[in-house]
N, C-alpha and C. Protein backbone atom coordinates (compact mmCIF):
# COMPACT_ATOMS: atom_id res chain seq x y z
N MET A 1 23.35 19.95 -9.74
CA MET A 1 23.26 18.39 -9.58
C MET A 1 21.93 18.05 -8.74
N PHE A 2 22.11 18.70 -7.43
CA PHE A 2 21.13 17.75 -6.75
C PHE A 2 20.56 19.43 -5.51
N SER A 3 19.61 19.31 -6.52
CA SER A 3 18.67 21.04 -6.19
C SER A 3 17.34 20.82 -4.98
N LYS A 4 16.52 19.03 -5.01
CA LYS A 4 16.24 18.65 -3.92
C LYS A 4 16.14 17.67 -2.75
N LEU A 5 16.77 17.77 -2.31
CA LEU A 5 17.34 17.15 -1.26
C LEU A 5 15.64 16.81 -0.48
N LEU A 6 15.62 15.01 -0.57
CA LEU A 6 14.32 14.62 0.42
C LEU A 6 15.22 14.16 1.70
N VAL A 7 14.46 14.21 3.40
CA VAL A 7 15.65 13.11 4.49
C VAL A 7 14.48 13.10 5.04
N ALA A 8 14.75 11.56 4.97
CA ALA A 8 13.51 10.90 6.08
C ALA A 8 14.00 10.66 6.97
N THR A 9 13.53 10.68 8.41
CA THR A 9 14.16 9.95 9.51
C THR A 9 13.02 9.55 10.94
N ASP A 10 13.77 9.36 11.41
CA ASP A 10 13.17 8.72 12.91
C ASP A 10 13.53 9.52 13.60
N GLY A 11 14.45 10.07 13.73
CA GLY A 11 14.94 11.24 15.65
C GLY A 11 16.64 10.01 15.83
N SER A 12 16.36 9.10 15.34
CA SER A 12 17.25 8.40 15.22
C SER A 12 19.26 8.51 15.23
N ASN A 13 19.67 8.06 15.79
CA ASN A 13 21.45 8.29 15.88
C ASN A 13 21.91 8.41 14.15
N HIS A 14 21.22 7.52 13.83
CA HIS A 14 21.39 7.28 12.49
C HIS A 14 20.92 8.20 10.91
N SER A 15 19.42 7.94 11.21
CA SER A 15 18.80 9.05 11.00
C SER A 15 19.25 10.64 11.25
N LEU A 16 19.72 11.00 11.60
CA LEU A 16 20.40 12.12 12.77
C LEU A 16 21.24 12.33 11.17
N LYS A 17 22.52 11.53 11.58
CA LYS A 17 24.15 11.26 10.70
C LYS A 17 23.21 11.61 9.23
N ALA A 18 21.38 11.03 8.67
CA ALA A 18 21.52 11.34 7.44
C ALA A 18 21.38 12.82 7.61
N ALA A 19 20.83 13.38 7.94
CA ALA A 19 20.89 14.75 7.71
C ALA A 19 21.72 15.64 7.63
N ALA A 20 22.52 15.92 8.54
CA ALA A 20 23.78 16.20 8.61
C ALA A 20 24.31 16.18 7.07
N THR A 21 24.50 15.25 6.91
CA THR A 21 25.21 14.58 5.44
C THR A 21 24.39 15.56 4.79
N ALA A 22 23.33 15.39 4.96
CA ALA A 22 22.29 15.80 3.86
C ALA A 22 22.62 17.81 4.21
N GLY A 23 22.74 18.10 5.15
CA GLY A 23 22.64 19.45 5.12
C GLY A 23 24.73 19.61 4.92
N ASP A 24 25.36 18.74 4.45
CA ASP A 24 26.72 19.69 3.75
C ASP A 24 26.83 19.33 2.66
N ILE A 25 25.72 18.11 1.31
CA ILE A 25 25.72 18.95 0.19
C ILE A 25 24.50 19.42 0.12
N ALA A 26 23.74 20.36 0.99
CA ALA A 26 22.45 21.49 0.60
C ALA A 26 23.70 22.50 0.35
N ARG A 27 24.63 22.83 1.47
CA ARG A 27 24.39 23.90 1.74
C ARG A 27 26.19 24.04 -0.01
N ARG A 28 26.64 23.10 0.27
CA ARG A 28 27.72 23.32 -1.54
C ARG A 28 27.19 22.77 -2.74
N TYR A 29 25.96 22.51 -2.81
CA TYR A 29 25.15 22.69 -3.92
C TYR A 29 23.97 23.88 -3.90
N GLY A 30 23.47 24.09 -2.39
CA GLY A 30 22.56 25.01 -2.42
C GLY A 30 20.55 24.56 -2.29
N SER A 31 21.08 23.28 -2.23
CA SER A 31 19.75 22.60 -2.67
C SER A 31 18.53 22.40 -1.43
N ALA A 32 17.41 22.43 -2.00
CA ALA A 32 16.29 22.72 -1.30
C ALA A 32 16.48 21.46 0.18
N VAL A 33 15.34 21.40 0.96
CA VAL A 33 16.03 20.46 2.33
C VAL A 33 14.63 20.17 2.33
N THR A 34 14.11 19.42 2.55
CA THR A 34 12.93 19.13 2.97
C THR A 34 12.97 17.28 3.63
N ILE A 35 12.72 17.69 5.24
CA ILE A 35 12.29 16.97 5.89
C ILE A 35 11.53 16.37 6.31
N LEU A 36 11.28 14.35 6.29
CA LEU A 36 10.39 13.91 6.36
C LEU A 36 10.03 12.70 7.11
N HIS A 37 8.98 12.59 8.06
CA HIS A 37 8.90 11.29 9.13
C HIS A 37 8.11 10.86 9.29
N VAL A 38 7.96 9.78 8.98
CA VAL A 38 6.46 8.42 8.30
C VAL A 38 6.21 8.46 9.77
N PHE A 39 4.80 8.64 9.95
CA PHE A 39 4.43 8.04 12.23
C PHE A 39 3.67 6.13 11.02
N THR A 40 3.82 5.93 11.81
CA THR A 40 3.28 4.37 11.49
C THR A 40 2.33 4.15 12.49
N THR A 41 1.19 3.58 12.89
CA THR A 41 0.18 3.95 13.25
C THR A 41 0.05 2.25 14.54
N PRO A 42 0.35 2.58 16.12
CA PRO A 42 1.15 1.39 15.83
C PRO A 42 -0.20 0.57 16.59
N ALA A 43 0.39 -0.52 16.22
CA ALA A 43 -0.05 -1.84 16.55
C ALA A 43 -1.29 -2.19 17.76
N VAL A 44 -2.14 -2.61 17.81
CA VAL A 44 -2.49 -2.67 19.62
C VAL A 44 -3.64 -4.27 19.90
N ARG A 45 -3.68 -4.46 20.91
CA ARG A 45 -5.29 -5.67 21.11
C ARG A 45 -5.86 -4.66 21.53
N MET A 46 -7.01 -5.39 20.95
CA MET A 46 -8.22 -4.52 21.51
C MET A 46 -8.63 -5.39 22.41
N PRO A 47 -8.41 -4.53 23.83
CA PRO A 47 -9.66 -5.37 24.64
C PRO A 47 -10.80 -5.48 24.66
N PRO A 48 -11.34 -6.97 25.59
CA PRO A 48 -12.50 -7.17 25.49
C PRO A 48 -14.13 -5.76 26.18
N ALA A 49 -14.70 -5.99 24.71
CA ALA A 49 -16.06 -5.09 24.53
C ALA A 49 -16.18 -3.93 25.43
N ASP A 50 -16.08 -4.92 26.77
CA ASP A 50 -16.75 -5.61 28.15
C ASP A 50 -15.40 -3.97 28.51
N THR A 51 -13.80 -4.27 28.70
CA THR A 51 -13.44 -3.51 29.76
C THR A 51 -12.70 -2.30 29.11
N PRO A 52 -13.47 -1.04 29.95
CA PRO A 52 -12.92 -0.23 30.26
C PRO A 52 -10.99 0.00 30.22
N GLY A 53 -10.82 1.26 28.63
CA GLY A 53 -9.41 0.78 28.18
C GLY A 53 -8.45 1.76 27.25
N LEU A 54 -7.56 1.22 26.66
CA LEU A 54 -6.84 1.34 25.56
C LEU A 54 -7.96 2.16 24.19
N GLU A 55 -8.24 3.31 23.98
CA GLU A 55 -9.02 3.41 23.10
C GLU A 55 -8.34 4.42 21.50
N LEU A 56 -7.80 3.48 20.48
CA LEU A 56 -7.56 4.39 19.68
C LEU A 56 -8.46 5.26 18.16
N ASP A 57 -8.84 6.80 19.55
CA ASP A 57 -9.52 6.90 18.02
C ASP A 57 -8.78 7.82 17.18
N HIS A 58 -9.12 8.17 15.58
CA HIS A 58 -8.39 9.17 14.68
C HIS A 58 -7.29 10.34 15.56
N ALA A 59 -8.65 10.95 16.28
CA ALA A 59 -8.28 11.82 17.32
C ALA A 59 -7.14 12.00 18.17
N THR A 60 -7.21 10.44 18.62
CA THR A 60 -5.88 10.31 19.08
C THR A 60 -4.93 9.72 18.47
N VAL A 61 -4.56 9.40 17.90
CA VAL A 61 -3.59 8.69 17.17
C VAL A 61 -2.93 9.61 15.72
N LYS A 62 -3.62 10.99 16.14
CA LYS A 62 -3.89 12.17 14.85
C LYS A 62 -2.45 12.06 16.26
N GLY A 63 -3.12 12.59 17.19
CA GLY A 63 -2.02 12.90 18.59
C GLY A 63 -0.88 13.48 18.16
N MET A 64 -0.96 11.63 18.10
CA MET A 64 0.65 10.32 19.12
C MET A 64 0.94 11.03 17.58
N ALA A 65 0.54 11.41 16.29
CA ALA A 65 1.61 11.50 15.34
C ALA A 65 2.57 12.80 15.11
N LYS A 66 1.61 14.16 15.35
CA LYS A 66 1.64 15.50 15.72
C LYS A 66 3.17 15.91 17.32
N ASP A 67 2.93 14.64 18.10
CA ASP A 67 3.70 14.68 18.91
C ASP A 67 5.26 14.54 18.99
N GLU A 68 4.91 13.10 18.10
CA GLU A 68 6.46 12.49 17.43
C GLU A 68 6.76 13.01 16.73
N TYR A 69 6.05 13.55 15.61
CA TYR A 69 6.46 14.68 14.77
C TYR A 69 7.86 16.10 15.11
N ASP A 70 6.86 16.10 16.26
CA ASP A 70 7.01 17.63 16.91
C ASP A 70 8.96 17.30 16.80
N THR A 71 8.92 16.19 17.77
CA THR A 71 9.74 15.49 18.24
C THR A 71 11.52 15.79 17.34
N VAL A 72 10.90 14.60 15.86
CA VAL A 72 12.16 14.75 15.23
C VAL A 72 12.30 15.68 14.23
N ALA A 73 11.17 15.92 14.28
CA ALA A 73 10.85 17.81 13.23
C ALA A 73 11.91 18.30 14.01
N HIS A 74 12.75 18.93 15.55
CA HIS A 74 13.14 19.56 16.07
C HIS A 74 14.44 18.74 15.80
N LYS A 75 14.86 18.17 16.10
CA LYS A 75 16.17 17.59 16.33
C LYS A 75 16.97 16.85 15.25
N THR A 76 16.52 16.86 14.19
CA THR A 76 17.24 16.37 12.55
C THR A 76 16.90 17.89 12.22
N GLY A 77 15.97 18.80 12.37
CA GLY A 77 16.31 20.66 12.01
C GLY A 77 17.62 20.87 12.53
N LYS A 78 17.94 20.85 13.92
CA LYS A 78 19.21 21.39 14.91
C LYS A 78 20.33 20.68 13.90
N GLU A 79 19.95 18.98 13.42
CA GLU A 79 21.59 18.85 12.60
C GLU A 79 21.39 20.12 11.02
N LEU A 80 20.38 20.36 10.60
CA LEU A 80 20.16 21.74 9.32
C LEU A 80 20.84 22.87 9.98
N ASP A 81 20.44 23.10 10.92
CA ASP A 81 20.84 24.26 11.05
C ASP A 81 22.47 25.10 11.51
N ALA A 82 22.80 23.71 11.65
CA ALA A 82 24.15 23.31 11.86
C ALA A 82 25.04 23.56 11.29
N TYR A 83 24.51 23.76 9.49
CA TYR A 83 24.90 23.65 8.23
C TYR A 83 24.49 25.30 7.82
N GLY A 84 23.78 25.36 8.53
CA GLY A 84 23.33 27.28 7.69
C GLY A 84 22.35 26.61 6.77
N VAL A 85 21.51 25.66 6.66
CA VAL A 85 20.92 25.38 5.76
C VAL A 85 18.93 25.88 5.76
N PRO A 86 18.01 26.42 4.75
CA PRO A 86 17.41 26.76 4.88
C PRO A 86 15.90 24.68 5.18
N TYR A 87 14.87 24.04 5.49
CA TYR A 87 14.18 23.31 4.95
C TYR A 87 13.04 23.34 5.30
N GLU A 88 12.13 22.44 5.14
CA GLU A 88 10.84 22.51 5.92
C GLU A 88 10.41 21.13 5.84
N SER A 89 9.67 21.06 6.61
CA SER A 89 9.22 19.53 6.95
C SER A 89 7.96 18.82 7.82
N LEU A 90 7.40 17.65 6.62
CA LEU A 90 6.78 16.78 6.30
C LEU A 90 5.99 16.47 7.21
N LEU A 91 5.05 15.21 7.21
CA LEU A 91 3.55 14.56 8.47
C LEU A 91 3.67 13.59 7.74
N GLY A 92 4.95 12.28 7.08
CA GLY A 92 3.37 11.63 6.58
C GLY A 92 2.33 10.38 7.85
N MET A 93 1.74 9.39 7.59
CA MET A 93 1.33 8.35 7.08
C MET A 93 1.17 7.09 6.82
N GLY A 94 1.60 6.15 7.77
CA GLY A 94 1.45 5.00 6.84
C GLY A 94 2.99 4.03 7.05
N HIS A 95 3.14 3.25 5.89
CA HIS A 95 4.20 2.62 5.91
C HIS A 95 5.74 3.93 5.67
N PRO A 96 6.74 3.89 6.09
CA PRO A 96 8.08 4.45 5.66
C PRO A 96 8.14 4.17 4.54
N ALA A 97 8.88 2.93 4.02
CA ALA A 97 9.35 2.85 2.54
C ALA A 97 8.27 3.81 1.82
N ASP A 98 7.07 3.21 1.57
CA ASP A 98 5.84 3.41 0.77
C ASP A 98 5.79 5.05 0.60
N GLU A 99 6.02 5.46 2.13
CA GLU A 99 5.59 6.60 1.93
C GLU A 99 7.28 7.69 1.22
N ILE A 100 8.29 7.86 1.79
CA ILE A 100 9.33 8.11 1.21
C ILE A 100 9.06 7.61 -0.19
N LEU A 101 8.23 6.87 -1.27
CA LEU A 101 8.74 6.53 -2.22
C LEU A 101 7.36 8.26 -2.88
N ARG A 102 6.13 7.31 -2.04
CA ARG A 102 5.59 9.10 -2.60
C ARG A 102 5.98 9.89 -2.89
N VAL A 103 6.01 10.25 -1.69
CA VAL A 103 6.41 11.52 -1.52
C VAL A 103 7.11 12.37 -2.42
N ALA A 104 8.72 10.92 -2.32
CA ALA A 104 10.29 11.59 -3.88
C ALA A 104 9.38 11.70 -4.72
N ALA A 105 8.87 10.62 -5.73
CA ALA A 105 8.42 10.94 -6.32
C ALA A 105 7.18 11.93 -6.63
N GLN A 106 6.42 12.32 -5.43
CA GLN A 106 5.49 13.24 -5.71
C GLN A 106 6.40 14.74 -6.12
N GLY A 107 6.95 14.66 -5.70
CA GLY A 107 7.64 16.15 -4.92
C GLY A 107 9.07 16.11 -5.81
N GLY A 108 9.74 15.39 -6.89
CA GLY A 108 10.21 15.78 -8.17
C GLY A 108 11.93 15.50 -7.34
N TYR A 109 12.29 14.75 -5.94
CA TYR A 109 13.28 15.28 -5.46
C TYR A 109 14.09 14.74 -6.69
N ASP A 110 16.00 15.60 -5.95
CA ASP A 110 16.46 14.66 -6.37
C ASP A 110 17.36 13.64 -6.22
N LEU A 111 17.23 13.74 -4.73
CA LEU A 111 18.49 12.66 -3.74
C LEU A 111 17.37 12.62 -2.54
N ILE A 112 17.34 11.36 -2.06
CA ILE A 112 16.50 11.37 -1.03
C ILE A 112 17.88 10.29 0.45
N VAL A 113 17.37 11.01 1.11
CA VAL A 113 19.01 10.70 2.33
C VAL A 113 18.38 10.10 3.53
N LEU A 114 18.60 8.81 4.00
CA LEU A 114 18.21 8.79 4.81
C LEU A 114 19.23 7.69 5.54
N GLY A 115 19.37 7.14 6.96
CA GLY A 115 20.29 6.04 7.53
C GLY A 115 20.50 5.14 7.37
N SER A 116 20.87 4.64 7.14
CA SER A 116 20.97 2.34 6.43
C SER A 116 20.16 1.74 7.83
N ARG A 117 19.48 2.33 9.21
CA ARG A 117 19.35 1.16 10.04
C ARG A 117 18.40 3.05 10.28
N GLY A 118 17.26 2.12 11.16
CA GLY A 118 16.22 3.37 11.87
C GLY A 118 15.87 2.72 13.54
N ALA A 119 15.26 3.67 13.79
CA ALA A 119 14.91 3.03 15.65
C ALA A 119 14.24 1.59 15.33
N GLY A 120 13.92 1.09 15.13
CA GLY A 120 13.17 -0.54 14.54
C GLY A 120 13.59 -1.23 14.34
N SER A 121 14.41 -1.64 15.17
CA SER A 121 15.55 -2.59 14.26
C SER A 121 15.17 -4.26 14.39
N LEU A 122 13.75 -4.41 15.53
CA LEU A 122 12.69 -5.40 15.25
C LEU A 122 12.43 -5.54 14.45
N ARG A 123 10.94 -4.77 14.58
CA ARG A 123 10.49 -4.47 13.62
C ARG A 123 10.54 -4.50 12.00
N SER A 124 11.88 -3.51 11.39
CA SER A 124 12.74 -3.77 10.34
C SER A 124 12.67 -5.31 10.40
N PHE A 125 13.60 -6.38 11.44
CA PHE A 125 13.32 -7.07 10.66
C PHE A 125 12.53 -8.31 9.84
N LEU A 126 11.41 -7.77 11.13
CA LEU A 126 9.99 -8.55 9.95
C LEU A 126 9.61 -8.05 9.48
N LEU A 127 9.39 -6.51 8.79
CA LEU A 127 8.78 -6.37 8.05
C LEU A 127 9.23 -5.96 6.59
N GLY A 128 10.93 -6.57 6.94
CA GLY A 128 12.45 -5.59 6.03
C GLY A 128 12.46 -4.36 6.20
N SER A 129 13.61 -3.96 6.09
CA SER A 129 14.52 -2.47 5.92
C SER A 129 14.19 -2.05 4.77
N VAL A 130 13.71 -0.89 5.75
CA VAL A 130 12.77 0.39 5.54
C VAL A 130 14.06 0.82 3.85
N ALA A 131 15.01 1.23 4.83
CA ALA A 131 15.99 1.39 3.92
C ALA A 131 16.73 0.61 2.39
N ASP A 132 15.94 -0.60 2.41
CA ASP A 132 16.85 -1.52 1.35
C ASP A 132 15.26 -1.05 1.02
N LYS A 133 14.11 -1.24 0.68
CA LYS A 133 12.98 -1.34 -0.61
C LYS A 133 13.05 -0.17 -0.88
N VAL A 134 13.49 1.49 0.10
CA VAL A 134 13.31 2.65 -0.84
C VAL A 134 14.73 2.46 -2.09
N ARG A 135 15.67 2.09 -1.04
CA ARG A 135 16.78 2.15 -2.72
C ARG A 135 16.48 1.67 -3.65
N HIS A 136 15.74 0.18 -3.51
CA HIS A 136 15.72 -0.67 -4.75
C HIS A 136 14.44 0.09 -5.54
N ARG A 137 13.53 0.53 -4.72
CA ARG A 137 11.82 1.30 -5.73
C ARG A 137 12.44 2.52 -5.82
N ALA A 138 13.29 3.55 -5.41
CA ALA A 138 13.27 4.85 -5.20
C ALA A 138 13.73 5.03 -7.31
N GLN A 139 12.84 5.79 -7.44
CA GLN A 139 12.78 7.18 -8.95
C GLN A 139 14.22 7.46 -9.19
N CYS A 140 14.44 8.27 -7.68
CA CYS A 140 16.31 8.96 -7.65
C CYS A 140 17.01 8.36 -7.58
N PRO A 141 18.48 8.32 -6.87
CA PRO A 141 19.38 7.96 -6.20
C PRO A 141 19.11 7.94 -4.63
N VAL A 142 19.62 7.10 -4.05
CA VAL A 142 19.19 7.48 -3.14
C VAL A 142 20.92 7.34 -2.34
N LEU A 143 20.90 8.18 -1.35
CA LEU A 143 22.49 8.15 -0.24
C LEU A 143 21.74 7.57 0.82
N LEU A 144 22.97 6.65 1.61
CA LEU A 144 22.38 5.38 2.99
C LEU A 144 23.42 5.78 2.95
N VAL A 145 23.64 6.57 4.58
CA VAL A 145 24.22 7.00 5.50
C VAL A 145 24.00 5.75 6.22
N ARG A 146 25.36 5.78 6.70
CA ARG A 146 25.56 4.92 8.02
C ARG A 146 26.16 4.69 9.50
């Protein structure tokens, strides 16, 4: 029924509950599981040209993404480990909903599992809910976990 599961995670409590739910499903159906964390480049105000300070070059952003990914993948992986489910993990870059949808379509996933709310509540309010965008645009079933 569900042979390939994509678990979108940001490390929030909601996404960790989603990972636990995916672990239960994967154990029951023998599903392959992929954890996807999407890093969004932080928006910063640029200091005046003659002011030393914050510089976000490609290497800095890549390092930030890797650090965040390591933390989130570790926390999420613990949820799947509790169910004895093997998994792989991926790091995406960009807008979370767009990246989740792209990975799901390209990877031929049977089910996307994600939390109903993420870590960025104000940002979600302003930009629109990631979960809402994914559930409306996905080409496969989406399981939203509260």
